[in-house]
């Protein structure tokens, strides 16, 4: 079965990820079928990019996204959705006011 998941790149203490389609039996940083995008944890805004057409192709073939990749797909398809940490800070500001 094919999974859409993240593959770690970058150096120590600066994690960056490639979003890939890979066989679920292959290791995290092992063989993959195709690179679908990237995700950089250090950037505040515009911290990921996905090729939505290729993601949709793999989803139509039966690929299953990981939970993190599923949230990135939702954010890519609907840019109005805020990341989880941004929603928390908005709730905290609303309580203070």
Protein backbone atom coordinates (compact mmCIF):
# COMPACT_ATOMS: atom_id res chain seq x y z
CA UNK A 1 0.00 0.00 0.00
CA UNK A 2 1.20 3.51 -0.79
CA UNK A 3 1.39 6.16 1.93
CA UNK A 4 1.84 9.90 1.51
CA UNK A 5 4.16 10.89 4.33
CA UNK A 6 7.08 13.09 5.31
CA UNK A 7 10.74 12.25 4.77
CA UNK A 8 13.17 14.09 7.03
CA UNK A 9 15.91 16.19 5.46
CA UNK A 10 17.96 19.07 6.80
CA UNK A 11 20.59 19.06 9.48
CA UNK A 12 20.56 18.49 13.21
CA UNK A 13 18.20 20.86 15.10
CA UNK A 14 16.80 22.22 11.83
CA UNK A 15 14.26 19.72 10.60
CA UNK A 16 12.89 20.08 7.11
CA UNK A 17 10.75 17.51 5.38
CA UNK A 18 9.92 16.35 1.88
CA UNK A 19 6.41 15.09 1.34
CA UNK A 20 6.65 11.85 -0.61
CA UNK A 21 4.58 8.96 -1.87
CA UNK A 22 6.24 5.78 -0.57
CA UNK A 23 5.50 2.14 0.07
CA UNK A 24 4.38 1.79 3.69
CA UNK A 25 6.99 -0.93 4.29
CA UNK A 26 9.95 1.30 3.40
CA UNK A 27 11.71 3.20 6.22
CA UNK A 28 11.05 6.89 6.89
CA UNK A 29 14.09 8.10 4.96
CA UNK A 30 14.24 5.15 2.56
CA UNK A 31 13.03 4.60 -0.98
CA UNK A 32 10.09 6.61 -2.24
CA UNK A 33 8.03 6.70 -5.42
CA UNK A 34 7.68 10.46 -5.96
CA UNK A 35 8.37 13.79 -4.22
CA UNK A 36 5.11 15.71 -3.86
CA UNK A 37 6.26 18.79 -1.94
CA UNK A 38 8.17 20.10 1.05
CA UNK A 39 7.54 21.33 4.61
CA UNK A 40 9.93 23.51 6.64
CA UNK A 41 9.21 23.72 10.37
CA UNK A 42 11.42 26.79 10.90
CA UNK A 43 9.46 29.15 8.66
CA UNK A 44 6.54 31.11 10.12
CA UNK A 45 4.45 31.62 6.98
CA UNK A 46 4.40 29.79 3.65
CA UNK A 47 6.22 26.93 5.31
CA UNK A 48 5.06 24.22 2.88
CA UNK A 49 4.35 23.61 -0.79
CA UNK A 50 2.41 20.73 -2.34
CA UNK A 51 1.76 19.65 -5.90
CA UNK A 52 -2.00 19.20 -5.44
CA UNK A 53 -2.50 17.56 -8.85
CA UNK A 54 -0.02 14.79 -8.01
CA UNK A 55 -1.41 14.42 -4.48
CA UNK A 56 -4.91 13.97 -5.94
CA UNK A 57 -3.49 11.44 -8.40
CA UNK A 58 -2.02 9.32 -5.60
CA UNK A 59 -5.16 9.65 -3.48
CA UNK A 60 -7.24 8.41 -6.42
CA UNK A 61 -4.93 5.38 -6.65
CA UNK A 62 -5.69 4.54 -3.00
CA UNK A 63 -2.76 6.16 -1.18
CA UNK A 64 -3.33 7.03 2.47
CA UNK A 65 -1.88 10.29 3.87
CA UNK A 66 -0.38 10.48 7.34
CA UNK A 67 -2.23 12.72 9.81
CA UNK A 68 0.25 15.60 9.43
CA UNK A 69 0.22 15.38 5.65
CA UNK A 70 -3.60 15.23 5.67
CA UNK A 71 -3.70 18.53 7.57
CA UNK A 72 -1.22 20.08 5.09
CA UNK A 73 -3.41 18.90 2.20
CA UNK A 74 -6.45 20.55 3.83
CA UNK A 75 -4.47 23.79 4.29
CA UNK A 76 -3.24 23.69 0.68
CA UNK A 77 -6.75 23.23 -0.70
CA UNK A 78 -8.26 25.87 1.61
CA UNK A 79 -5.75 28.65 2.44
CA UNK A 80 -8.17 30.22 4.96
CA UNK A 81 -7.51 27.38 7.41
CA UNK A 82 -4.96 28.43 10.03
CA UNK A 83 -2.34 26.04 11.40
CA UNK A 84 -3.07 24.45 14.77
CA UNK A 85 -0.64 26.65 16.75
CA UNK A 86 -2.11 29.83 15.22
CA UNK A 87 -5.63 28.84 16.28
CA UNK A 88 -4.43 28.32 19.86
CA UNK A 89 -2.92 31.82 20.01
CA UNK A 90 -6.12 33.34 18.60
CA UNK A 91 -8.16 31.63 21.35
CA UNK A 92 -5.73 32.89 24.02
CA UNK A 93 -6.03 36.47 22.73
CA UNK A 94 -9.84 36.21 22.71
CA UNK A 95 -9.85 35.07 26.36
CA UNK A 96 -7.63 38.00 27.38
CA UNK A 97 -9.93 40.54 25.73
